[in-house]
Protein backbone atom coordinates (compact mmCIF):
# COMPACT_ATOMS: atom_id res chain seq x y z
CA UNK A 1 0.00 0.00 0.00
CA UNK A 2 2.84 2.36 0.88
CA UNK A 3 4.43 1.81 -2.55
CA UNK A 4 1.10 2.52 -4.24
CA UNK A 5 0.73 5.87 -2.43
CA UNK A 6 4.29 6.86 -3.34
CA UNK A 7 3.63 5.94 -6.97
CA UNK A 8 0.46 8.06 -7.07
CA UNK A 9 2.31 11.02 -5.53
CA UNK A 10 5.11 10.66 -8.05
CA UNK A 11 2.72 10.68 -11.01
CA UNK A 12 0.78 13.68 -9.72
CA UNK A 13 4.01 15.62 -9.11
CA UNK A 14 5.06 15.06 -12.73
CA UNK A 15 1.72 16.08 -14.21
CA UNK A 16 1.72 19.11 -16.49
CA UNK A 17 -2.03 19.40 -16.89
CA UNK A 18 -3.17 22.71 -15.47
CA UNK A 19 -5.63 25.44 -16.26
CA UNK A 20 -4.11 28.02 -13.93
CA UNK A 21 -3.31 31.32 -15.61
CA UNK A 22 -0.06 33.12 -14.89
CA UNK A 23 0.05 36.53 -13.20
CA UNK A 24 2.10 38.74 -15.52
CA UNK A 25 3.13 41.03 -12.65
CA UNK A 26 4.89 38.17 -10.86
CA UNK A 27 7.07 36.99 -13.76
CA UNK A 28 10.73 36.45 -12.97
CA UNK A 29 13.78 34.58 -14.23
CA UNK A 30 15.20 33.34 -10.91
CA UNK A 31 14.63 29.72 -9.94
CA UNK A 32 15.05 27.85 -6.67
CA UNK A 33 17.62 25.05 -6.58
CA UNK A 34 15.04 22.44 -5.56
CA UNK A 35 12.78 23.37 -8.50
CA UNK A 36 15.65 23.02 -10.96
CA UNK A 37 16.72 19.71 -9.41
CA UNK A 38 13.14 18.46 -9.80
CA UNK A 39 13.19 19.55 -13.44
CA UNK A 40 16.51 17.82 -14.10
CA UNK A 41 15.45 14.60 -12.36
CA UNK A 42 11.85 14.31 -13.53
CA UNK A 43 11.20 16.51 -16.56
CA UNK A 44 14.51 16.71 -18.46
CA UNK A 45 13.86 13.42 -20.26
CA UNK A 46 11.31 15.23 -22.47
CA UNK A 47 13.94 17.64 -23.75
CA UNK A 48 16.97 17.67 -26.01
CA UNK A 49 19.87 19.21 -24.11
CA UNK A 50 22.65 21.42 -25.42
CA UNK A 51 25.36 22.22 -22.86
CA UNK A 52 27.65 25.25 -23.09
CA UNK A 53 29.82 24.71 -20.00
CA UNK A 54 32.13 27.68 -20.57
CA UNK A 55 29.21 30.07 -20.25
CA UNK A 56 27.31 28.07 -17.64
CA UNK A 57 24.39 27.54 -20.04
CA UNK A 58 22.11 24.56 -20.51
CA UNK A 59 19.62 24.86 -23.36
CA UNK A 60 16.54 22.63 -23.18
CA UNK A 61 14.41 22.15 -26.30
CA UNK A 62 11.29 20.00 -26.05
CA UNK A 63 11.61 16.84 -28.13
CA UNK A 64 8.19 17.42 -29.77
CA UNK A 65 9.11 20.86 -31.13
CA UNK A 66 9.18 21.55 -34.85
CA UNK A 67 12.55 20.33 -36.11
CA UNK A 68 12.25 21.43 -39.74
CA UNK A 69 13.49 25.03 -39.79
CA UNK A 70 13.55 25.42 -43.58
CA UNK A 71 10.13 27.13 -43.55
CA UNK A 72 8.12 28.92 -40.83
CA UNK A 73 8.71 27.62 -37.32
CA UNK A 74 8.02 28.86 -33.79
CA UNK A 75 9.63 27.08 -30.83
CA UNK A 76 10.53 27.90 -27.26
CA UNK A 77 13.72 26.84 -25.53
CA UNK A 78 14.47 27.02 -21.83
CA UNK A 79 17.94 28.46 -21.35
CA UNK A 80 19.33 27.88 -17.86
CA UNK A 81 22.28 29.85 -16.55
CA UNK A 82 23.15 27.72 -13.53
CA UNK A 83 25.83 30.16 -12.35
CA UNK A 84 23.24 32.79 -11.46
CA UNK A 85 20.17 30.51 -10.92
CA UNK A 86 18.21 31.95 -13.83
CA UNK A 87 16.13 30.40 -16.59
CA UNK A 88 15.01 32.23 -19.72
CA UNK A 89 12.21 31.23 -22.13
CA UNK A 90 13.80 32.07 -25.49
CA UNK A 91 11.71 32.13 -28.65
CA UNK A 92 13.29 30.44 -31.65
CA UNK A 93 11.64 31.31 -34.94
CA UNK A 94 12.12 31.90 -38.63
CA UNK A 95 15.07 34.26 -39.12
CA UNK A 96 13.28 36.37 -41.75
CA UNK A 97 10.72 37.52 -39.15
CA UNK A 98 11.58 40.45 -36.91
CA UNK A 99 11.01 39.31 -33.31
CA UNK A 100 10.43 42.87 -32.08
CA UNK A 101 7.30 43.22 -34.24
CA UNK A 102 6.06 39.63 -34.07
CA UNK A 103 2.32 39.28 -33.60
CA UNK A 104 -0.10 36.40 -33.20
CA UNK A 105 -3.84 36.40 -33.76
CA UNK A 106 -6.10 34.32 -31.54
CA UNK A 107 -9.67 33.27 -32.22
CA UNK A 108 -11.98 31.68 -29.69
CA UNK A 109 -13.22 28.23 -30.62
CA UNK A 110 -16.55 28.68 -28.80
CA UNK A 111 -17.40 32.33 -29.56
CA UNK A 112 -16.73 35.14 -32.02
CA UNK A 113 -14.09 36.63 -29.73
CA UNK A 114 -10.64 37.32 -31.19
CA UNK A 115 -7.58 39.44 -30.54
CA UNK A 116 -3.86 39.91 -30.97
CA UNK A 117 -0.76 39.40 -28.85
CA UNK A 118 2.29 41.42 -29.87
CA UNK A 119 5.93 41.17 -28.90
CA UNK A 120 7.01 44.56 -27.61
CA UNK A 121 10.79 44.45 -28.01
CA UNK A 122 13.61 41.96 -28.25
CA UNK A 123 14.82 41.75 -24.67
CA UNK A 124 14.55 38.57 -22.64
CA UNK A 125 11.84 40.12 -20.48
CA UNK A 126 9.81 41.00 -23.60
CA UNK A 127 10.01 37.38 -24.78
CA UNK A 128 8.99 36.13 -21.33
CA UNK A 129 5.94 38.43 -21.20
CA UNK A 130 4.89 37.54 -24.77
CA UNK A 131 5.29 33.81 -24.05
CA UNK A 132 3.29 34.10 -20.81
CA UNK A 133 0.46 35.93 -22.60
CA UNK A 134 0.46 33.24 -25.28
CA UNK A 135 0.42 30.49 -22.62
CA UNK A 136 -2.54 32.16 -20.86
CA UNK A 137 -4.44 32.38 -24.17
CA UNK A 138 -3.78 28.70 -24.89
CA UNK A 139 -5.53 27.82 -21.63
CA UNK A 140 -8.64 29.60 -22.97
CA UNK A 141 -8.89 27.05 -25.82
CA UNK A 142 -8.28 29.38 -28.73
CA UNK A 143 -6.83 28.89 -32.19
CA UNK A 144 -3.60 30.80 -32.72
CA UNK A 145 -2.36 32.14 -36.04
CA UNK A 146 0.30 34.43 -37.42
CA UNK A 147 0.99 36.06 -40.75
CA UNK A 148 3.89 34.69 -42.77
CA UNK A 149 4.61 35.75 -46.36
CA UNK A 150 1.21 37.50 -46.46
CA UNK A 151 -0.65 34.32 -45.49
CA UNK A 152 -2.50 33.57 -42.26
CA UNK A 153 -1.06 30.30 -40.94
CA UNK A 154 -1.37 28.37 -37.67
CA UNK A 155 1.37 29.28 -35.19
CA UNK A 156 1.86 25.58 -34.48
CA UNK A 157 1.76 23.05 -37.29
CA UNK A 158 0.16 20.32 -35.16
CA UNK A 159 -1.06 19.57 -31.65
CA UNK A 160 2.28 18.00 -30.62
CA UNK A 161 4.15 21.24 -31.34
CA UNK A 162 1.50 23.28 -29.56
CA UNK A 163 1.74 20.97 -26.56
CA UNK A 164 5.56 21.18 -26.63
CA UNK A 165 5.28 24.96 -26.23
CA UNK A 166 2.69 24.67 -23.45
CA UNK A 167 4.69 22.07 -21.52
CA UNK A 168 7.93 24.03 -21.88
CA UNK A 169 6.27 27.15 -20.52
CA UNK A 170 4.66 25.13 -17.73
CA UNK A 171 8.12 23.83 -16.78
CA UNK A 172 9.48 27.39 -16.88
CA UNK A 173 6.71 28.63 -14.57
CA UNK A 174 7.23 25.69 -12.25
CA UNK A 175 10.99 26.35 -12.02
CA UNK A 176 10.42 30.03 -11.27
CA UNK A 177 7.72 29.38 -8.66
CA UNK A 178 4.74 30.62 -10.69
CA UNK A 179 3.01 27.22 -10.53
């Protein structure tokens, strides 16, 4: 019985299914050591890891992200600087698109409601705020599009890539104490 309870606790601790929205005012880059250790022990297996030891960087890219970068792509990577206990959600996207002016369009699945989310700069904080707004919109069950080469296209090619973004952001928020 004791083993069963431990197993249930382990599975619930690893769950990334949440509908909690993120408070934009509380966003931060700093993580607690125990949260990062949890990520490395329990969540890291879902990511491809690139290590840059000389700079103290570990770059985590979800294994379900879009790998073909020859056309439009939009991915998020979690860049950890373990020397200063910080993690950054960095947007990786098509080079021909200016990040500072990047915009997505969302449309509600259940109503006529729609809107836009715009990146307001190229700093790490701007990317974090944009990514958090996008994460919050994804919880609302909306379709998300962008304009590429004068065509309206889905931001994510399939549900696996959309889920890779959501899980990566969830892991970021968990490391930084938002969830």
